[in-house]
Amino acid sequence: MLLSFFLFPFISMFSFYMHARLMAKRTIYSVRMIINS
């Protein structure tokens, strides 16, 4: 129980970090497409 309590913030921060990276890649890709066209 205590271990999961300590692990929960780490897992949520890791998933948030991965999601932010994915959104950044998608935004950069769409910006490049707009500039190229």
PDB file of N, CA and C in Angstrom:
ATOM      1  N   MET A   1       0.843  -1.200   0.000  1.00  0.00           N
ATOM      2  CA  MET A   1       0.000   0.000   0.000  1.00  0.00           C
ATOM      3  C   MET A   1       0.880   1.252   0.000  1.00  0.00           C
ATOM      4  N   LEU A   2       1.868   1.278   0.919  1.00  0.00           N
ATOM      5  CA  LEU A   2       2.745   2.445   0.991  1.00  0.00           C
ATOM      6  C   LEU A   2       3.583   2.571  -0.277  1.00  0.00           C
ATOM      7  N   LEU A   3       4.009   1.427  -0.817  1.00  0.00           N
ATOM      8  CA  LEU A   3       4.827   1.452  -2.032  1.00  0.00           C
ATOM      9  C   LEU A   3       4.044   2.034  -3.198  1.00  0.00           C
ATOM     10  N   SER A   4       2.792   1.620  -3.341  1.00  0.00           N
ATOM     11  CA  SER A   4       1.974   2.151  -4.438  1.00  0.00           C
ATOM     12  C   SER A   4       1.712   3.645  -4.224  1.00  0.00           C
ATOM     13  N   PHE A   5       1.607   4.058  -2.963  1.00  0.00           N
ATOM     14  CA  PHE A   5       1.396   5.478  -2.672  1.00  0.00           C
ATOM     15  C   PHE A   5       2.600   6.299  -3.120  1.00  0.00           C
ATOM     16  N   PHE A   6       3.802   5.732  -2.967  1.00  0.00           N
ATOM     17  CA  PHE A   6       5.008   6.435  -3.407  1.00  0.00           C
ATOM     18  C   PHE A   6       5.201   6.326  -4.917  1.00  0.00           C
ATOM     19  N   LEU A   7       4.729   5.236  -5.518  1.00  0.00           N
ATOM     20  CA  LEU A   7       4.934   5.023  -6.949  1.00  0.00           C
ATOM     21  C   LEU A   7       3.952   5.819  -7.789  1.00  0.00           C
ATOM     22  N   PHE A   8       2.788   6.133  -7.246  1.00  0.00           N
ATOM     23  CA  PHE A   8       1.742   6.786  -8.047  1.00  0.00           C
ATOM     24  C   PHE A   8       2.182   8.128  -8.636  1.00  0.00           C
ATOM     25  N   PRO A   9       2.785   9.061  -7.863  1.00  0.00           N
ATOM     26  CA  PRO A   9       3.199  10.342  -8.455  1.00  0.00           C
ATOM     27  C   PRO A   9       4.256  10.152  -9.534  1.00  0.00           C
ATOM     28  N   PHE A  10       5.164   9.191  -9.346  1.00  0.00           N
ATOM     29  CA  PHE A  10       6.212   8.953 -10.338  1.00  0.00           C
ATOM     30  C   PHE A  10       5.611   8.475 -11.648  1.00  0.00           C
ATOM     31  N   ILE A  11       4.650   7.540 -11.569  1.00  0.00           N
ATOM     32  CA  ILE A  11       4.021   7.006 -12.782  1.00  0.00           C
ATOM     33  C   ILE A  11       3.201   8.094 -13.469  1.00  0.00           C
ATOM     34  N   SER A  12       2.481   8.890 -12.719  1.00  0.00           N
ATOM     35  CA  SER A  12       1.654   9.936 -13.330  1.00  0.00           C
ATOM     36  C   SER A  12       2.541  11.001 -13.982  1.00  0.00           C
ATOM     37  N   MET A  13       3.646  11.351 -13.342  1.00  0.00           N
ATOM     38  CA  MET A  13       4.553  12.331 -13.942  1.00  0.00           C
ATOM     39  C   MET A  13       5.202  11.764 -15.197  1.00  0.00           C
ATOM     40  N   PHE A  14       5.545  10.477 -15.184  1.00  0.00           N
ATOM     41  CA  PHE A  14       6.167   9.861 -16.354  1.00  0.00           C
ATOM     42  C   PHE A  14       5.196   9.838 -17.524  1.00  0.00           C
ATOM     43  N   SER A  15       3.936   9.468 -17.261  1.00  0.00           N
ATOM     44  CA  SER A  15       2.944   9.423 -18.342  1.00  0.00           C
ATOM     45  C   SER A  15       2.674  10.837 -18.863  1.00  0.00           C
ATOM     46  N   PHE A  16       2.645  11.820 -17.979  1.00  0.00           N
ATOM     47  CA  PHE A  16       2.442  13.205 -18.410  1.00  0.00           C
ATOM     48  C   PHE A  16       3.612  13.675 -19.278  1.00  0.00           C
ATOM     49  N   TYR A  17       4.847  13.271 -18.904  1.00  0.00           N
ATOM     50  CA  TYR A  17       6.035  13.648 -19.672  1.00  0.00           C
ATOM     51  C   TYR A  17       5.998  13.029 -21.064  1.00  0.00           C
ATOM     52  N   MET A  18       5.613  11.755 -21.161  1.00  0.00           N
ATOM     53  CA  MET A  18       5.531  11.091 -22.460  1.00  0.00           C
ATOM     54  C   MET A  18       4.451  11.740 -23.314  1.00  0.00           C
ATOM     55  N   HIS A  19       3.313  12.079 -22.704  1.00  0.00           N
ATOM     56  CA  HIS A  19       2.219  12.708 -23.451  1.00  0.00           C
ATOM     57  C   HIS A  19       2.654  14.089 -23.959  1.00  0.00           C
ATOM     58  N   ALA A  20       3.379  14.837 -23.133  1.00  0.00           N
ATOM     59  CA  ALA A  20       3.836  16.167 -23.547  1.00  0.00           C
ATOM     60  C   ALA A  20       4.814  16.053 -24.711  1.00  0.00           C
ATOM     61  N   ARG A  21       5.699  15.048 -24.660  1.00  0.00           N
ATOM     62  CA  ARG A  21       6.642  14.857 -25.769  1.00  0.00           C
ATOM     63  C   ARG A  21       5.900  14.518 -27.052  1.00  0.00           C
ATOM     64  N   LEU A  22       4.883  13.661 -26.940  1.00  0.00           N
ATOM     65  CA  LEU A  22       4.123  13.271 -28.129  1.00  0.00           C
ATOM     66  C   LEU A  22       3.408  14.478 -28.720  1.00  0.00           C
ATOM     67  N   MET A  23       2.806  15.305 -27.876  1.00  0.00           N
ATOM     68  CA  MET A  23       2.096  16.478 -28.370  1.00  0.00           C
ATOM     69  C   MET A  23       3.081  17.468 -28.995  1.00  0.00           C
ATOM     70  N   ALA A  24       4.276  17.597 -28.432  1.00  0.00           N
ATOM     71  CA  ALA A  24       5.274  18.512 -28.990  1.00  0.00           C
ATOM     72  C   ALA A  24       5.706  18.044 -30.370  1.00  0.00           C
ATOM     73  N   LYS A  25       5.924  16.737 -30.522  1.00  0.00           N
ATOM     74  CA  LYS A  25       6.310  16.215 -31.834  1.00  0.00           C
ATOM     75  C   LYS A  25       5.209  16.467 -32.851  1.00  0.00           C
ATOM     76  N   ARG A  26       3.960  16.233 -32.458  1.00  0.00           N
ATOM     77  CA  ARG A  26       2.842  16.428 -33.381  1.00  0.00           C
ATOM     78  C   ARG A  26       2.719  17.906 -33.761  1.00  0.00           C
ATOM     79  N   THR A  27       2.916  18.801 -32.798  1.00  0.00           N
ATOM     80  CA  THR A  27       2.812  20.233 -33.084  1.00  0.00           C
ATOM     81  C   THR A  27       3.921  20.672 -34.030  1.00  0.00           C
ATOM     82  N   ILE A  28       5.144  20.207 -33.787  1.00  0.00           N
ATOM     83  CA  ILE A  28       6.263  20.571 -34.665  1.00  0.00           C
ATOM     84  C   ILE A  28       6.017  20.035 -36.067  1.00  0.00           C
ATOM     85  N   TYR A  29       5.479  18.821 -36.165  1.00  0.00           N
ATOM     86  CA  TYR A  29       5.217  18.227 -37.482  1.00  0.00           C
ATOM     87  C   TYR A  29       4.177  19.040 -38.244  1.00  0.00           C
ATOM     88  N   SER A  30       3.099  19.424 -37.572  1.00  0.00           N
ATOM     89  CA  SER A  30       2.043  20.188 -38.252  1.00  0.00           C
ATOM     90  C   SER A  30       2.547  21.579 -38.632  1.00  0.00           C
ATOM     91  N   VAL A  31       3.384  22.185 -37.796  1.00  0.00           N
ATOM     92  CA  VAL A  31       3.933  23.504 -38.126  1.00  0.00           C
ATOM     93  C   VAL A  31       4.830  23.401 -39.351  1.00  0.00           C
ATOM     94  N   ARG A  32       5.614  22.339 -39.444  1.00  0.00           N
ATOM     95  CA  ARG A  32       6.475  22.154 -40.614  1.00  0.00           C
ATOM     96  C   ARG A  32       5.639  21.973 -41.872  1.00  0.00           C
ATOM     97  N   MET A  33       4.547  21.230 -41.768  1.00  0.00           N
ATOM     98  CA  MET A  33       3.686  21.014 -42.931  1.00  0.00           C
ATOM     99  C   MET A  33       3.076  22.338 -43.385  1.00  0.00           C
ATOM    100  N   ILE A  34       2.685  23.195 -42.427  1.00  0.00           N
ATOM    101  CA  ILE A  34       2.088  24.489 -42.782  1.00  0.00           C
ATOM    102  C   ILE A  34       3.138  25.373 -43.456  1.00  0.00           C
ATOM    103  N   ILE A  35       4.369  25.341 -42.959  1.00  0.00           N
ATOM    104  CA  ILE A  35       5.425  26.182 -43.539  1.00  0.00           C
ATOM    105  C   ILE A  35       5.779  25.687 -44.942  1.00  0.00           C
ATOM    106  N   ASN A  36       5.839  24.377 -45.130  1.00  0.00           N
ATOM    107  CA  ASN A  36       6.234  23.833 -46.432  1.00  0.00           C
ATOM    108  C   ASN A  36       5.185  24.089 -47.497  1.00  0.00           C
ATOM    109  N   SER A  37       3.923  24.042 -47.137  1.00  0.00           N
ATOM    110  CA  SER A  37       2.872  24.184 -48.146  1.00  0.00           C
ATOM    111  C   SER A  37       2.724  25.638 -48.604  1.00  0.00           C
TER     112      SER A  37
END
